Amino acid sequence: MTDTNDSQDWGDEMDRPEHEKTYEAFLDFSKWGLIGIAVILIMLLLFVYG
């Protein structure tokens, strides 16, 4: 019932370097997006209560 696939095997159709590059881009976008949102919220806080 708990048949999990923990294999690290990559098939021939998978392009591992491209996958890793895309994942790194996703992490960078997420990081900078979160920083941008935090800056906007801080600026709104300063504008309203400052």
N, C-alpha and C. Protein backbone atom coordinates (compact mmCIF):
# COMPACT_ATOMS: atom_id res chain seq x y z
N MET A 1 0.81 -1.19 0.00
CA MET A 1 0.00 0.00 0.00
C MET A 1 0.86 1.26 0.00
N THR A 2 1.96 1.23 0.73
CA THR A 2 2.82 2.41 0.78
C THR A 2 3.97 2.24 -0.19
N ASP A 3 3.66 2.15 -1.45
CA ASP A 3 4.68 1.98 -2.48
C ASP A 3 5.20 3.36 -2.89
N THR A 4 6.29 3.79 -2.25
CA THR A 4 6.86 5.09 -2.57
C THR A 4 8.06 4.91 -3.48
N ASN A 5 8.28 5.88 -4.32
CA ASN A 5 9.40 5.85 -5.25
C ASN A 5 10.43 6.86 -4.78
N ASP A 6 11.42 6.40 -4.03
CA ASP A 6 12.48 7.26 -3.53
C ASP A 6 13.73 7.19 -4.39
N SER A 7 13.59 6.72 -5.60
CA SER A 7 14.73 6.51 -6.48
C SER A 7 15.27 7.84 -6.99
N GLN A 8 16.56 7.93 -7.14
CA GLN A 8 17.21 9.10 -7.70
C GLN A 8 17.52 8.90 -9.18
N ASP A 9 16.97 7.85 -9.78
CA ASP A 9 17.22 7.58 -11.19
C ASP A 9 16.50 8.60 -12.05
N TRP A 10 17.21 9.12 -13.05
CA TRP A 10 16.65 10.05 -14.01
C TRP A 10 16.54 9.32 -15.33
N GLY A 11 15.38 9.37 -15.93
CA GLY A 11 15.17 8.74 -17.22
C GLY A 11 15.87 9.50 -18.34
N ASP A 12 15.94 8.89 -19.51
CA ASP A 12 16.58 9.53 -20.65
C ASP A 12 15.84 10.78 -21.09
N GLU A 13 14.54 10.83 -20.87
CA GLU A 13 13.76 11.99 -21.29
C GLU A 13 13.92 13.17 -20.34
N MET A 14 14.53 12.96 -19.18
CA MET A 14 14.71 14.03 -18.20
C MET A 14 16.06 14.71 -18.43
N ASP A 15 16.05 16.03 -18.47
CA ASP A 15 17.26 16.82 -18.63
C ASP A 15 17.63 17.39 -17.26
N ARG A 16 18.47 16.67 -16.54
CA ARG A 16 18.78 17.04 -15.16
C ARG A 16 19.38 18.45 -15.02
N PRO A 17 20.38 18.84 -15.83
CA PRO A 17 20.91 20.21 -15.67
C PRO A 17 19.86 21.29 -15.91
N GLU A 18 18.99 21.07 -16.89
CA GLU A 18 17.93 22.05 -17.17
C GLU A 18 16.92 22.09 -16.02
N HIS A 19 16.62 20.93 -15.46
CA HIS A 19 15.70 20.86 -14.32
C HIS A 19 16.28 21.62 -13.13
N GLU A 20 17.56 21.40 -12.84
CA GLU A 20 18.19 22.08 -11.71
C GLU A 20 18.28 23.58 -11.94
N LYS A 21 18.53 24.00 -13.18
CA LYS A 21 18.59 25.42 -13.51
C LYS A 21 17.22 26.07 -13.31
N THR A 22 16.17 25.40 -13.73
CA THR A 22 14.82 25.91 -13.57
C THR A 22 14.45 26.00 -12.09
N TYR A 23 14.84 25.00 -11.31
CA TYR A 23 14.55 25.00 -9.87
C TYR A 23 15.28 26.15 -9.18
N GLU A 24 16.55 26.38 -9.54
CA GLU A 24 17.30 27.50 -8.96
C GLU A 24 16.64 28.83 -9.32
N ALA A 25 16.17 28.97 -10.55
CA ALA A 25 15.48 30.20 -10.96
C ALA A 25 14.20 30.38 -10.15
N PHE A 26 13.46 29.29 -9.92
CA PHE A 26 12.25 29.35 -9.11
C PHE A 26 12.57 29.80 -7.68
N LEU A 27 13.64 29.26 -7.10
CA LEU A 27 14.01 29.66 -5.74
C LEU A 27 14.43 31.12 -5.69
N ASP A 28 15.19 31.59 -6.69
CA ASP A 28 15.60 32.99 -6.73
C ASP A 28 14.39 33.91 -6.86
N PHE A 29 13.46 33.56 -7.75
CA PHE A 29 12.25 34.37 -7.93
C PHE A 29 11.43 34.41 -6.64
N SER A 30 11.32 33.27 -5.98
CA SER A 30 10.56 33.21 -4.73
C SER A 30 11.21 34.07 -3.65
N LYS A 31 12.53 34.00 -3.55
CA LYS A 31 13.26 34.76 -2.54
C LYS A 31 13.10 36.26 -2.78
N TRP A 32 13.35 36.71 -4.00
CA TRP A 32 13.27 38.14 -4.29
C TRP A 32 11.82 38.63 -4.27
N GLY A 33 10.89 37.79 -4.64
CA GLY A 33 9.49 38.16 -4.55
C GLY A 33 9.06 38.38 -3.11
N LEU A 34 9.49 37.49 -2.23
CA LEU A 34 9.17 37.62 -0.81
C LEU A 34 9.83 38.87 -0.21
N ILE A 35 11.06 39.14 -0.59
CA ILE A 35 11.74 40.35 -0.11
C ILE A 35 11.00 41.59 -0.60
N GLY A 36 10.58 41.59 -1.87
CA GLY A 36 9.84 42.72 -2.42
C GLY A 36 8.53 42.95 -1.70
N ILE A 37 7.81 41.89 -1.42
CA ILE A 37 6.53 42.01 -0.70
C ILE A 37 6.77 42.54 0.71
N ALA A 38 7.82 42.07 1.38
CA ALA A 38 8.13 42.56 2.72
C ALA A 38 8.45 44.05 2.70
N VAL A 39 9.20 44.50 1.69
CA VAL A 39 9.53 45.92 1.58
C VAL A 39 8.27 46.74 1.35
N ILE A 40 7.39 46.27 0.48
CA ILE A 40 6.14 46.98 0.22
C ILE A 40 5.31 47.09 1.50
N LEU A 41 5.21 46.00 2.26
CA LEU A 41 4.43 46.04 3.50
C LEU A 41 5.05 46.99 4.52
N ILE A 42 6.36 47.02 4.62
CA ILE A 42 7.03 47.94 5.55
C ILE A 42 6.80 49.38 5.12
N MET A 43 6.89 49.63 3.81
CA MET A 43 6.64 50.99 3.31
C MET A 43 5.19 51.42 3.58
N LEU A 44 4.24 50.51 3.40
CA LEU A 44 2.84 50.83 3.71
C LEU A 44 2.67 51.12 5.20
N LEU A 45 3.34 50.35 6.04
CA LEU A 45 3.26 50.57 7.48
C LEU A 45 3.81 51.95 7.84
N LEU A 46 4.95 52.32 7.25
CA LEU A 46 5.53 53.63 7.51
C LEU A 46 4.65 54.75 6.96
N PHE A 47 4.03 54.54 5.83
CA PHE A 47 3.17 55.56 5.24
C PHE A 47 1.92 55.79 6.08
N VAL A 48 1.33 54.73 6.58
CA VAL A 48 0.09 54.85 7.34
C VAL A 48 0.36 55.38 8.75
N TYR A 49 1.39 54.88 9.43
CA TYR A 49 1.62 55.24 10.83
C TYR A 49 2.79 56.19 11.01
N GLY A 50 3.46 56.57 9.95
CA GLY A 50 4.66 57.39 10.07
C GLY A 50 4.47 58.83 10.07
